[in-house]
Structures are given as structure tokens and as C-alpha cells.
PDB file of N, CA and C in Angstrom:
ATOM      1  N   MET A   1       0.844  -1.187   0.000  1.00  0.00           N
ATOM      2  CA  MET A   1       0.000   0.000   0.000  1.00  0.00           C
ATOM      3  C   MET A   1       0.887   1.248   0.000  1.00  0.00           C
ATOM      4  N   LEU A   2       0.556   2.175  -0.853  1.00  0.00           N
ATOM      5  CA  LEU A   2       1.347   3.390  -0.961  1.00  0.00           C
ATOM      6  C   LEU A   2       0.955   4.391   0.117  1.00  0.00           C
ATOM      7  N   ASN A   3       1.942   5.104   0.602  1.00  0.00           N
ATOM      8  CA  ASN A   3       1.713   6.162   1.578  1.00  0.00           C
ATOM      9  C   ASN A   3       1.449   7.449   0.796  1.00  0.00           C
ATOM     10  N   LEU A   4       0.217   7.920   0.819  1.00  0.00           N
ATOM     11  CA  LEU A   4      -0.153   9.093   0.035  1.00  0.00           C
ATOM     12  C   LEU A   4      -0.163  10.377   0.854  1.00  0.00           C
ATOM     13  N   ARG A   5       0.235  10.279   2.119  1.00  0.00           N
ATOM     14  CA  ARG A   5       0.294  11.486   2.933  1.00  0.00           C
ATOM     15  C   ARG A   5       1.458  12.363   2.483  1.00  0.00           C
ATOM     16  N   PRO A   6       1.252  13.662   2.475  1.00  0.00           N
ATOM     17  CA  PRO A   6       2.371  14.530   2.102  1.00  0.00           C
ATOM     18  C   PRO A   6       3.447  14.471   3.186  1.00  0.00           C
ATOM     19  N   PRO A   7       4.691  14.649   2.794  1.00  0.00           N
ATOM     20  CA  PRO A   7       5.747  14.628   3.804  1.00  0.00           C
ATOM     21  C   PRO A   7       5.581  15.807   4.762  1.00  0.00           C
ATOM     22  N   PRO A   8       6.081  15.671   5.973  1.00  0.00           N
ATOM     23  CA  PRO A   8       5.974  16.785   6.917  1.00  0.00           C
ATOM     24  C   PRO A   8       6.805  17.970   6.421  1.00  0.00           C
ATOM     25  N   PRO A   9       6.464  19.167   6.854  1.00  0.00           N
ATOM     26  CA  PRO A   9       7.247  20.333   6.421  1.00  0.00           C
ATOM     27  C   PRO A   9       8.707  20.171   6.836  1.00  0.00           C
ATOM     28  N   ARG A  10       9.579  20.660   6.015  1.00  0.00           N
ATOM     29  CA  ARG A  10      11.009  20.603   6.308  1.00  0.00           C
ATOM     30  C   ARG A  10      11.407  21.827   7.135  1.00  0.00           C
ATOM     31  N   GLN A  11      12.092  21.574   8.193  1.00  0.00           N
ATOM     32  CA  GLN A  11      12.560  22.666   9.038  1.00  0.00           C
ATOM     33  C   GLN A  11      13.908  23.143   8.517  1.00  0.00           C
ATOM     34  N   VAL A  12      14.069  24.448   8.379  1.00  0.00           N
ATOM     35  CA  VAL A  12      15.332  25.019   7.924  1.00  0.00           C
ATOM     36  C   VAL A  12      15.760  26.122   8.894  1.00  0.00           C
ATOM     37  N   LEU A  13      17.035  26.348   8.922  1.00  0.00           N
ATOM     38  CA  LEU A  13      17.582  27.401   9.766  1.00  0.00           C
ATOM     39  C   LEU A  13      17.878  28.598   8.879  1.00  0.00           C
ATOM     40  N   LEU A  14      17.331  29.736   9.229  1.00  0.00           N
ATOM     41  CA  LEU A  14      17.592  30.973   8.489  1.00  0.00           C
ATOM     42  C   LEU A  14      18.392  31.910   9.384  1.00  0.00           C
ATOM     43  N   ARG A  15      19.390  32.493   8.825  1.00  0.00           N
ATOM     44  CA  ARG A  15      20.172  33.489   9.562  1.00  0.00           C
ATOM     45  C   ARG A  15      19.800  34.862   8.993  1.00  0.00           C
ATOM     46  N   LEU A  16      19.245  35.686   9.845  1.00  0.00           N
ATOM     47  CA  LEU A  16      18.831  37.025   9.439  1.00  0.00           C
ATOM     48  C   LEU A  16      19.785  38.056  10.029  1.00  0.00           C
ATOM     49  N   PRO A  17      20.076  39.086   9.272  1.00  0.00           N
ATOM     50  CA  PRO A  17      20.842  40.187   9.858  1.00  0.00           C
ATOM     51  C   PRO A  17      20.054  40.768  11.032  1.00  0.00           C
ATOM     52  N   ASP A  18      20.753  41.270  12.030  1.00  0.00           N
ATOM     53  CA  ASP A  18      20.090  41.777  13.233  1.00  0.00           C
ATOM     54  C   ASP A  18      18.998  42.793  12.927  1.00  0.00           C
ATOM     55  N   ASP A  19      19.281  43.731  12.035  1.00  0.00           N
ATOM     56  CA  ASP A  19      18.287  44.765  11.756  1.00  0.00           C
ATOM     57  C   ASP A  19      17.016  44.171  11.145  1.00  0.00           C
ATOM     58  N   VAL A  20      17.167  43.155  10.288  1.00  0.00           N
ATOM     59  CA  VAL A  20      15.997  42.509   9.681  1.00  0.00           C
ATOM     60  C   VAL A  20      15.228  41.725  10.739  1.00  0.00           C
ATOM     61  N   ALA A  21      15.941  41.006  11.609  1.00  0.00           N
ATOM     62  CA  ALA A  21      15.295  40.231  12.672  1.00  0.00           C
ATOM     63  C   ALA A  21      14.527  41.146  13.622  1.00  0.00           C
ATOM     64  N   ILE A  22      15.098  42.284  13.933  1.00  0.00           N
ATOM     65  CA  ILE A  22      14.430  43.241  14.829  1.00  0.00           C
ATOM     66  C   ILE A  22      13.164  43.783  14.177  1.00  0.00           C
ATOM     67  N   LYS A  23      13.245  44.134  12.891  1.00  0.00           N
ATOM     68  CA  LYS A  23      12.064  44.647  12.185  1.00  0.00           C
ATOM     69  C   LYS A  23      10.986  43.571  12.093  1.00  0.00           C
ATOM     70  N   LEU A  24      11.393  42.333  11.819  1.00  0.00           N
ATOM     71  CA  LEU A  24      10.441  41.227  11.749  1.00  0.00           C
ATOM     72  C   LEU A  24       9.738  41.054  13.089  1.00  0.00           C
ATOM     73  N   ALA A  25      10.497  41.081  14.170  1.00  0.00           N
ATOM     74  CA  ALA A  25       9.923  40.913  15.506  1.00  0.00           C
ATOM     75  C   ALA A  25       9.003  42.074  15.853  1.00  0.00           C
ATOM     76  N   ARG A  26       9.322  43.244  15.367  1.00  0.00           N
ATOM     77  CA  ARG A  26       8.528  44.429  15.670  1.00  0.00           C
ATOM     78  C   ARG A  26       7.210  44.445  14.888  1.00  0.00           C
ATOM     79  N   VAL A  27       7.233  43.964  13.661  1.00  0.00           N
ATOM     80  CA  VAL A  27       6.083  44.084  12.765  1.00  0.00           C
ATOM     81  C   VAL A  27       5.178  42.851  12.775  1.00  0.00           C
ATOM     82  N   VAL A  28       5.749  41.646  12.929  1.00  0.00           N
ATOM     83  CA  VAL A  28       4.969  40.415  12.824  1.00  0.00           C
ATOM     84  C   VAL A  28       4.876  39.761  14.200  1.00  0.00           C
ATOM     85  N   PRO A  29       3.671  39.467  14.659  1.00  0.00           N
ATOM     86  CA  PRO A  29       3.503  38.828  15.974  1.00  0.00           C
ATOM     87  C   PRO A  29       4.235  37.474  16.037  1.00  0.00           C
ATOM     88  N   PRO A  30       4.662  37.075  17.239  1.00  0.00           N
ATOM     89  CA  PRO A  30       5.488  35.871  17.396  1.00  0.00           C
ATOM     90  C   PRO A  30       4.931  34.610  16.744  1.00  0.00           C
ATOM     91  N   ARG A  31       3.698  34.305  16.893  1.00  0.00           N
ATOM     92  CA  ARG A  31       3.150  33.054  16.370  1.00  0.00           C
ATOM     93  C   ARG A  31       2.794  33.129  14.888  1.00  0.00           C
ATOM     94  N   GLN A  32       3.070  34.264  14.264  1.00  0.00           N
ATOM     95  CA  GLN A  32       2.740  34.432  12.844  1.00  0.00           C
ATOM     96  C   GLN A  32       3.982  34.591  11.963  1.00  0.00           C
ATOM     97  N   ARG A  33       5.174  34.568  12.553  1.00  0.00           N
ATOM     98  CA  ARG A  33       6.407  34.832  11.791  1.00  0.00           C
ATOM     99  C   ARG A  33       6.703  33.738  10.783  1.00  0.00           C
ATOM    100  N   ASN A  34       6.525  32.487  11.182  1.00  0.00           N
ATOM    101  CA  ASN A  34       6.785  31.394  10.253  1.00  0.00           C
ATOM    102  C   ASN A  34       5.879  31.517   9.025  1.00  0.00           C
ATOM    103  N   ARG A  35       4.583  31.703   9.250  1.00  0.00           N
ATOM    104  CA  ARG A  35       3.626  31.826   8.148  1.00  0.00           C
ATOM    105  C   ARG A  35       3.978  33.035   7.281  1.00  0.00           C
ATOM    106  N   TYR A  36       4.386  34.126   7.897  1.00  0.00           N
ATOM    107  CA  TYR A  36       4.760  35.335   7.169  1.00  0.00           C
ATOM    108  C   TYR A  36       5.919  35.047   6.214  1.00  0.00           C
ATOM    109  N   ILE A  37       6.951  34.381   6.710  1.00  0.00           N
ATOM    110  CA  ILE A  37       8.118  34.072   5.884  1.00  0.00           C
ATOM    111  C   ILE A  37       7.746  33.068   4.790  1.00  0.00           C
ATOM    112  N   VAL A  38       6.943  32.057   5.137  1.00  0.00           N
ATOM    113  CA  VAL A  38       6.504  31.075   4.138  1.00  0.00           C
ATOM    114  C   VAL A  38       5.715  31.779   3.030  1.00  0.00           C
ATOM    115  N   ASP A  39       4.822  32.675   3.406  1.00  0.00           N
ATOM    116  CA  ASP A  39       4.027  33.400   2.408  1.00  0.00           C
ATOM    117  C   ASP A  39       4.918  34.258   1.504  1.00  0.00           C
ATOM    118  N   LEU A  40       5.898  34.940   2.105  1.00  0.00           N
ATOM    119  CA  LEU A  40       6.815  35.759   1.305  1.00  0.00           C
ATOM    120  C   LEU A  40       7.588  34.906   0.310  1.00  0.00           C
ATOM    121  N   LEU A  41       8.133  33.793   0.788  1.00  0.00           N
ATOM    122  CA  LEU A  41       8.901  32.911  -0.085  1.00  0.00           C
ATOM    123  C   LEU A  41       8.024  32.301  -1.175  1.00  0.00           C
ATOM    124  N   THR A  42       6.823  31.870  -0.800  1.00  0.00           N
ATOM    125  CA  THR A  42       5.912  31.272  -1.777  1.00  0.00           C
ATOM    126  C   THR A  42       5.595  32.263  -2.889  1.00  0.00           C
ATOM    127  N   HIS A  43       5.297  33.490  -2.516  1.00  0.00           N
ATOM    128  CA  HIS A  43       4.976  34.523  -3.507  1.00  0.00           C
ATOM    129  C   HIS A  43       6.189  34.830  -4.388  1.00  0.00           C
ATOM    130  N   ASP A  44       7.351  34.998  -3.770  1.00  0.00           N
ATOM    131  CA  ASP A  44       8.551  35.337  -4.522  1.00  0.00           C
ATOM    132  C   ASP A  44       8.942  34.205  -5.473  1.00  0.00           C
ATOM    133  N   LEU A  45       8.897  32.976  -4.985  1.00  0.00           N
ATOM    134  CA  LEU A  45       9.256  31.839  -5.834  1.00  0.00           C
ATOM    135  C   LEU A  45       8.267  31.660  -6.979  1.00  0.00           C
ATOM    136  N   ALA A  46       6.983  31.885  -6.706  1.00  0.00           N
ATOM    137  CA  ALA A  46       5.977  31.800  -7.772  1.00  0.00           C
ATOM    138  C   ALA A  46       6.254  32.861  -8.843  1.00  0.00           C
ATOM    139  N   SER A  47       6.636  34.052  -8.423  1.00  0.00           N
ATOM    140  CA  SER A  47       6.956  35.119  -9.380  1.00  0.00           C
ATOM    141  C   SER A  47       8.160  34.732 -10.233  1.00  0.00           C
ATOM    142  N   LYS A  48       9.165  34.156  -9.583  1.00  0.00           N
ATOM    143  CA  LYS A  48      10.361  33.738 -10.320  1.00  0.00           C
ATOM    144  C   LYS A  48      10.036  32.604 -11.296  1.00  0.00           C
ATOM    145  N   GLU A  49       9.210  31.641 -10.881  1.00  0.00           N
ATOM    146  CA  GLU A  49       8.813  30.547 -11.772  1.00  0.00           C
ATOM    147  C   GLU A  49       8.013  31.081 -12.952  1.00  0.00           C
ATOM    148  N   LYS A  50       7.147  32.047 -12.690  1.00  0.00           N
ATOM    149  CA  LYS A  50       6.351  32.641 -13.765  1.00  0.00           C
ATOM    150  C   LYS A  50       7.258  33.368 -14.750  1.00  0.00           C
ATOM    151  N   ALA A  51       8.236  34.110 -14.232  1.00  0.00           N
ATOM    152  CA  ALA A  51       9.173  34.826 -15.101  1.00  0.00           C
ATOM    153  C   ALA A  51       9.991  33.840 -15.930  1.00  0.00           C
ATOM    154  N   LEU A  52      10.421  32.745 -15.314  1.00  0.00           N
ATOM    155  CA  LEU A  52      11.186  31.736 -16.047  1.00  0.00           C
ATOM    156  C   LEU A  52      10.323  31.100 -17.124  1.00  0.00           C
ATOM    157  N   GLY A  53       9.078  30.787 -16.799  1.00  0.00           N
ATOM    158  CA  GLY A  53       8.164  30.220 -17.789  1.00  0.00           C
ATOM    159  C   GLY A  53       7.968  31.158 -18.966  1.00  0.00           C
ATOM    160  N   LYS A  54       7.831  32.442 -18.674  1.00  0.00           N
ATOM    161  CA  LYS A  54       7.663  33.432 -19.738  1.00  0.00           C
ATOM    162  C   LYS A  54       8.917  33.493 -20.606  1.00  0.00           C
ATOM    163  N   MET A  55      10.080  33.464 -19.966  1.00  0.00           N
ATOM    164  CA  MET A  55      11.336  33.517 -20.703  1.00  0.00           C
ATOM    165  C   MET A  55      11.486  32.279 -21.604  1.00  0.00           C
ATOM    166  N   LEU A  56      11.128  31.096 -21.067  1.00  0.00           N
ATOM    167  CA  LEU A  56      11.215  29.871 -21.870  1.00  0.00           C
ATOM    168  C   LEU A  56      10.225  29.900 -23.033  1.00  0.00           C
ATOM    169  N   ALA A  57       9.024  30.420 -22.789  1.00  0.00           N
ATOM    170  CA  ALA A  57       8.025  30.519 -23.865  1.00  0.00           C
ATOM    171  C   ALA A  57       8.521  31.467 -24.960  1.00  0.00           C
ATOM    172  N   GLU A  58       9.132  32.573 -24.558  1.00  0.00           N
ATOM    173  CA  GLU A  58       9.673  33.519 -25.542  1.00  0.00           C
ATOM    174  C   GLU A  58      10.823  32.890 -26.331  1.00  0.00           C
ATOM    175  N   ALA A  59      11.662  32.103 -25.642  1.00  0.00           N
ATOM    176  CA  ALA A  59      12.766  31.429 -26.324  1.00  0.00           C
ATOM    177  C   ALA A  59      12.223  30.407 -27.320  1.00  0.00           C
ATOM    178  N   ALA A  60      11.187  29.665 -26.923  1.00  0.00           N
ATOM    179  CA  ALA A  60      10.583  28.683 -27.829  1.00  0.00           C
ATOM    180  C   ALA A  60       9.971  29.384 -29.040  1.00  0.00           C
ATOM    181  N   GLN A  61       9.315  30.509 -28.801  1.00  0.00           N
ATOM    182  CA  GLN A  61       8.727  31.271 -29.911  1.00  0.00           C
ATOM    183  C   GLN A  61       9.819  31.753 -30.859  1.00  0.00           C
ATOM    184  N   ARG A  62      10.914  32.231 -30.295  1.00  0.00           N
ATOM    185  CA  ARG A  62      12.032  32.706 -31.132  1.00  0.00           C
ATOM    186  C   ARG A  62      12.627  31.555 -31.930  1.00  0.00           C
ATOM    187  N   LEU A  63      12.755  30.388 -31.292  1.00  0.00           N
ATOM    188  CA  LEU A  63      13.273  29.216 -32.002  1.00  0.00           C
ATOM    189  C   LEU A  63      12.341  28.828 -33.148  1.00  0.00           C
ATOM    190  N   ASN A  64      11.040  28.891 -32.911  1.00  0.00           N
ATOM    191  CA  ASN A  64      10.071  28.607 -33.982  1.00  0.00           C
ATOM    192  C   ASN A  64      10.245  29.576 -35.150  1.00  0.00           C
ATOM    193  N   GLU A  65      10.485  30.839 -34.835  1.00  0.00           N
ATOM    194  CA  GLU A  65      10.699  31.842 -35.883  1.00  0.00           C
ATOM    195  C   GLU A  65      11.971  31.541 -36.669  1.00  0.00           C
ATOM    196  N   ILE A  66      13.039  31.162 -35.957  1.00  0.00           N
ATOM    197  CA  ILE A  66      14.304  30.836 -36.623  1.00  0.00           C
ATOM    198  C   ILE A  66      14.135  29.607 -37.506  1.00  0.00           C
ATOM    199  N   GLU A  67      13.434  28.575 -36.981  1.00  0.00           N
ATOM    200  CA  GLU A  67      13.216  27.370 -37.778  1.00  0.00           C
ATOM    201  C   GLU A  67      12.350  27.654 -39.000  1.00  0.00           C
ATOM    202  N   ALA A  68      11.411  28.581 -38.870  1.00  0.00           N
ATOM    203  CA  ALA A  68      10.591  28.951 -40.034  1.00  0.00           C
ATOM    204  C   ALA A  68      11.454  29.645 -41.082  1.00  0.00           C
ATOM    205  N   GLN A  69      12.422  30.406 -40.612  1.00  0.00           N
ATOM    206  CA  GLN A  69      13.314  31.123 -41.525  1.00  0.00           C
ATOM    207  C   GLN A  69      14.351  30.178 -42.148  1.00  0.00           C
ATOM    208  N   TYR A  70      14.776  29.165 -41.401  1.00  0.00           N
ATOM    209  CA  TYR A  70      15.793  28.215 -41.865  1.00  0.00           C
ATOM    210  C   TYR A  70      15.245  26.793 -41.714  1.00  0.00           C
ATOM    211  N   PRO A  71      14.514  26.289 -42.717  1.00  0.00           N
ATOM    212  CA  PRO A  71      13.860  24.983 -42.627  1.00  0.00           C
ATOM    213  C   PRO A  71      14.811  23.820 -42.324  1.00  0.00           C
ATOM    214  N   GLU A  72      16.072  23.938 -42.709  1.00  0.00           N
ATOM    215  CA  GLU A  72      17.016  22.853 -42.426  1.00  0.00           C
ATOM    216  C   GLU A  72      17.200  22.642 -40.921  1.00  0.00           C
ATOM    217  N   LEU A  73      17.053  23.701 -40.131  1.00  0.00           N
ATOM    218  CA  LEU A  73      17.135  23.565 -38.670  1.00  0.00           C
ATOM    219  C   LEU A  73      15.922  22.810 -38.131  1.00  0.00           C
ATOM    220  N   ALA A  74      14.758  23.059 -38.712  1.00  0.00           N
ATOM    221  CA  ALA A  74      13.549  22.347 -38.289  1.00  0.00           C
ATOM    222  C   ALA A  74      13.685  20.860 -38.565  1.00  0.00           C
ATOM    223  N   LEU A  75      14.301  20.502 -39.708  1.00  0.00           N
ATOM    224  CA  LEU A  75      14.508  19.087 -40.019  1.00  0.00           C
ATOM    225  C   LEU A  75      15.438  18.436 -38.988  1.00  0.00           C
ATOM    226  N   GLU A  76      16.472  19.156 -38.597  1.00  0.00           N
ATOM    227  CA  GLU A  76      17.398  18.630 -37.594  1.00  0.00           C
ATOM    228  C   GLU A  76      16.681  18.444 -36.253  1.00  0.00           C
ATOM    229  N   THR A  77      15.835  19.381 -35.900  1.00  0.00           N
ATOM    230  CA  THR A  77      15.067  19.260 -34.663  1.00  0.00           C
ATOM    231  C   THR A  77      14.154  18.048 -34.722  1.00  0.00           C
ATOM    232  N   ASP A  78      13.489  17.853 -35.859  1.00  0.00           N
ATOM    233  CA  ASP A  78      12.616  16.689 -36.022  1.00  0.00           C
ATOM    234  C   ASP A  78      13.391  15.384 -35.865  1.00  0.00           C
ATOM    235  N   GLU A  79      14.620  15.344 -36.375  1.00  0.00           N
ATOM    236  CA  GLU A  79      15.450  14.147 -36.216  1.00  0.00           C
ATOM    237  C   GLU A  79      15.730  13.875 -34.741  1.00  0.00           C
ATOM    238  N   TRP A  80      16.043  14.923 -33.995  1.00  0.00           N
ATOM    239  CA  TRP A  80      16.322  14.761 -32.559  1.00  0.00           C
ATOM    240  C   TRP A  80      15.082  14.296 -31.814  1.00  0.00           C
ATOM    241  N   VAL A  81      13.945  14.884 -32.141  1.00  0.00           N
ATOM    242  CA  VAL A  81      12.704  14.539 -31.441  1.00  0.00           C
ATOM    243  C   VAL A  81      12.299  13.102 -31.712  1.00  0.00           C
ATOM    244  N   SER A  82      12.486  12.641 -32.928  1.00  0.00           N
ATOM    245  CA  SER A  82      12.045  11.292 -33.276  1.00  0.00           C
ATOM    246  C   SER A  82      13.121  10.224 -33.050  1.00  0.00           C
ATOM    247  N   ALA A  83      14.295  10.612 -32.585  1.00  0.00           N
ATOM    248  CA  ALA A  83      15.384   9.658 -32.379  1.00  0.00           C
ATOM    249  C   ALA A  83      15.052   8.692 -31.245  1.00  0.00           C
ATOM    250  N   VAL A  84      15.452   7.445 -31.429  1.00  0.00           N
ATOM    251  CA  VAL A  84      15.313   6.432 -30.383  1.00  0.00           C
ATOM    252  C   VAL A  84      16.641   6.402 -29.637  1.00  0.00           C
ATOM    253  N   LEU A  85      16.604   6.768 -28.373  1.00  0.00           N
ATOM    254  CA  LEU A  85      17.840   6.873 -27.604  1.00  0.00           C
ATOM    255  C   LEU A  85      18.196   5.586 -26.881  1.00  0.00           C
ATOM    256  N   THR A  86      17.202   4.767 -26.585  1.00  0.00           N
ATOM    257  CA  THR A  86      17.473   3.496 -25.915  1.00  0.00           C
ATOM    258  C   THR A  86      16.641   2.414 -26.565  1.00  0.00           C
ATOM    259  N   ASP A  87      17.069   1.201 -26.359  1.00  0.00           N
ATOM    260  CA  ASP A  87      16.319   0.053 -26.850  1.00  0.00           C
ATOM    261  C   ASP A  87      15.195  -0.211 -25.856  1.00  0.00           C
ATOM    262  N   GLU A  88      13.980   0.081 -26.242  1.00  0.00           N
ATOM    263  CA  GLU A  88      12.848  -0.060 -25.327  1.00  0.00           C
ATOM    264  C   GLU A  88      12.617  -1.507 -24.919  1.00  0.00           C
ATOM    265  N   GLU A  89      13.076  -2.448 -25.736  1.00  0.00           N
ATOM    266  CA  GLU A  89      12.895  -3.861 -25.420  1.00  0.00           C
ATOM    267  C   GLU A  89      13.711  -4.263 -24.192  1.00  0.00           C
ATOM    268  N   ASP A  90      14.934  -3.718 -24.068  1.00  0.00           N
ATOM    269  CA  ASP A  90      15.821  -4.130 -22.985  1.00  0.00           C
ATOM    270  C   ASP A  90      16.486  -2.906 -22.374  1.00  0.00           C
ATOM    271  N   ASP A  91      15.709  -2.154 -21.618  1.00  0.00           N
ATOM    272  CA  ASP A  91      16.267  -0.967 -20.989  1.00  0.00           C
ATOM    273  C   ASP A  91      16.775  -1.251 -19.583  1.00  0.00           C
ATOM    274  N   GLY A  92      16.692  -2.505 -19.140  1.00  0.00           N
ATOM    275  CA  GLY A  92      17.208  -2.876 -17.828  1.00  0.00           C
ATOM    276  C   GLY A  92      16.240  -2.615 -16.687  1.00  0.00           C
ATOM    277  N   PHE A  93      15.083  -2.084 -16.991  1.00  0.00           N
ATOM    278  CA  PHE A  93      14.111  -1.775 -15.941  1.00  0.00           C
ATOM    279  C   PHE A  93      13.164  -2.949 -15.753  1.00  0.00           C
ATOM    280  N   ASP A  94      13.085  -3.436 -14.514  1.00  0.00           N
ATOM    281  CA  ASP A  94      12.201  -4.550 -14.183  1.00  0.00           C
ATOM    282  C   ASP A  94      11.092  -4.012 -13.289  1.00  0.00           C
ATOM    283  N   PRO A  95       9.893  -3.782 -13.825  1.00  0.00           N
ATOM    284  CA  PRO A  95       8.832  -3.173 -13.036  1.00  0.00           C
ATOM    285  C   PRO A  95       8.415  -4.021 -11.831  1.00  0.00           C
ATOM    286  N   VAL A  96       8.454  -5.336 -11.945  1.00  0.00           N
ATOM    287  CA  VAL A  96       8.067  -6.194 -10.827  1.00  0.00           C
ATOM    288  C   VAL A  96       9.071  -6.043  -9.692  1.00  0.00           C
ATOM    289  N   ALA A  97      10.368  -6.088 -10.015  1.00  0.00           N
ATOM    290  CA  ALA A  97      11.403  -5.915  -8.991  1.00  0.00           C
ATOM    291  C   ALA A  97      11.311  -4.522  -8.376  1.00  0.00           C
ATOM    292  N   PHE A  98      11.022  -3.531  -9.204  1.00  0.00           N
ATOM    293  CA  PHE A  98      10.887  -2.162  -8.693  1.00  0.00           C
ATOM    294  C   PHE A  98       9.757  -2.063  -7.682  1.00  0.00           C
ATOM    295  N   GLU A  99       8.611  -2.625  -7.999  1.00  0.00           N
ATOM    296  CA  GLU A  99       7.464  -2.583  -7.086  1.00  0.00           C
ATOM    297  C   GLU A  99       7.790  -3.270  -5.763  1.00  0.00           C
ATOM    298  N   LYS A 100       8.491  -4.400  -5.828  1.00  0.00           N
ATOM    299  CA  LYS A 100       8.879  -5.109  -4.599  1.00  0.00           C
ATOM    300  C   LYS A 100       9.819  -4.256  -3.762  1.00  0.00           C
ATOM    301  N   GLN A 101      10.821  -3.659  -4.389  1.00  0.00           N
ATOM    302  CA  GLN A 101      11.777  -2.825  -3.667  1.00  0.00           C
ATOM    303  C   GLN A 101      11.103  -1.586  -3.091  1.00  0.00           C
ATOM    304  N   LEU A 102      10.174  -1.020  -3.838  1.00  0.00           N
ATOM    305  CA  LEU A 102       9.427   0.140  -3.355  1.00  0.00           C
ATOM    306  C   LEU A 102       8.610  -0.228  -2.121  1.00  0.00           C
ATOM    307  N   ALA A 103       7.924  -1.361  -2.164  1.00  0.00           N
ATOM    308  CA  ALA A 103       7.120  -1.807  -1.022  1.00  0.00           C
ATOM    309  C   ALA A 103       8.004  -2.038   0.203  1.00  0.00           C
ATOM    310  N   LEU A 104       9.164  -2.647   0.013  1.00  0.00           N
ATOM    311  CA  LEU A 104      10.081  -2.878   1.136  1.00  0.00           C
ATOM    312  C   LEU A 104      10.581  -1.551   1.721  1.00  0.00           C
ATOM    313  N   ALA A 105      10.927  -0.611   0.860  1.00  0.00           N
ATOM    314  CA  ALA A 105      11.411   0.692   1.325  1.00  0.00           C
ATOM    315  C   ALA A 105      10.319   1.442   2.089  1.00  0.00           C
ATOM    316  N   GLN A 106       9.093   1.403   1.576  1.00  0.00           N
ATOM    317  CA  GLN A 106       7.991   2.086   2.260  1.00  0.00           C
ATOM    318  C   GLN A 106       7.708   1.437   3.608  1.00  0.00           C
ATOM    319  N   ALA A 107       7.770   0.107   3.674  1.00  0.00           N
ATOM    320  CA  ALA A 107       7.559  -0.586   4.936  1.00  0.00           C
ATOM    321  C   ALA A 107       8.631  -0.198   5.947  1.00  0.00           C
ATOM    322  N   ALA A 108       9.871  -0.109   5.493  1.00  0.00           N
ATOM    323  CA  ALA A 108      10.960   0.275   6.389  1.00  0.00           C
ATOM    324  C   ALA A 108      10.781   1.700   6.885  1.00  0.00           C
ATOM    325  N   MET A 109      10.337   2.601   5.997  1.00  0.00           N
ATOM    326  CA  MET A 109      10.108   3.992   6.410  1.00  0.00           C
ATOM    327  C   MET A 109       8.962   4.077   7.414  1.00  0.00           C
ATOM    328  N   THR A 110       7.899   3.323   7.180  1.00  0.00           N
ATOM    329  CA  THR A 110       6.756   3.311   8.100  1.00  0.00           C
ATOM    330  C   THR A 110       7.171   2.779   9.446  1.00  0.00           C
ATOM    331  N   LYS A 111       7.957   1.710   9.439  1.00  0.00           N
ATOM    332  CA  LYS A 111       8.439   1.116  10.689  1.00  0.00           C
ATOM    333  C   LYS A 111       9.310   2.093  11.445  1.00  0.00           C
ATOM    334  N   GLN A 112      10.204   2.784  10.731  1.00  0.00           N
ATOM    335  CA  GLN A 112      11.102   3.736  11.380  1.00  0.00           C
ATOM    336  C   GLN A 112      10.332   4.945  11.909  1.00  0.00           C
ATOM    337  N   ALA A 113       9.308   5.374  11.188  1.00  0.00           N
ATOM    338  CA  ALA A 113       8.498   6.513  11.648  1.00  0.00           C
ATOM    339  C   ALA A 113       7.717   6.164  12.896  1.00  0.00           C
ATOM    340  N   GLY A 114       7.376   4.882  13.073  1.00  0.00           N
ATOM    341  CA  GLY A 114       6.613   4.448  14.234  1.00  0.00           C
ATOM    342  C   GLY A 114       7.437   4.328  15.494  1.00  0.00           C
ATOM    343  N   LYS A 115       8.751   4.382  15.374  1.00  0.00           N
ATOM    344  CA  LYS A 115       9.633   4.244  16.555  1.00  0.00           C
ATOM    345  C   LYS A 115       9.611   5.467  17.416  1.00  0.00           C
TER     346      LYS A 115
END
């Protein structure tokens, strides 16, 4: 049986400059500081991911324009996309063995968490 519970939050140590720590303590109540920092990081990281996504979309659009201008590049891209990189018949992956090992690992983690 798979454990579908999300992992517990990861605790990290942050070192703040004294002036920032003092301002944080002055502005944010004690029991709300963790949530405040999590919210700030979540918002900032989402903004960065959105900016990266936009940059990648613009790069893809530019590549499409270049390939339209130089059809030989589009043919090369098509070759890369359709290339077979591994032999699908014998890639060394055994799904039955994987499932067994996964079940054993999950059981060990559950047992260790119960200690």
C-alpha cells in the first residue's frame, strides 16, 4: 500500500541580519512569523517561476521563428525529437522488482516513523 500522505514540512535554519530580525519581531507577531516568511517565499518563488516560464516561452517562440526562416534547422530538430535513444525492449528496468523494492522501502520507512 502506498503512503499518500504529504511529507511533513522541512525545518530550515535561516540566519537574518540583526536589523531585519528586529524589524520582523517588531512588525509580525510571534506566532505568525513562520507563516509570514513562508508566504513571502511562496509569492517570490511563484513570481520567479512565472518569469522563467515566460522567458522559456519567448525562447521557444524565437526558435520557432528561426526554424521557419531556416527549414534545415527544423529538419534537424525533427530528427532529434524522433530519435530512439534506448532500446525499449531491454532498458534494464524490471517493473516487478521495482514494485517489490518500493514496497520494502515504504515498509521500512513506516516502521522507522513508528519508533
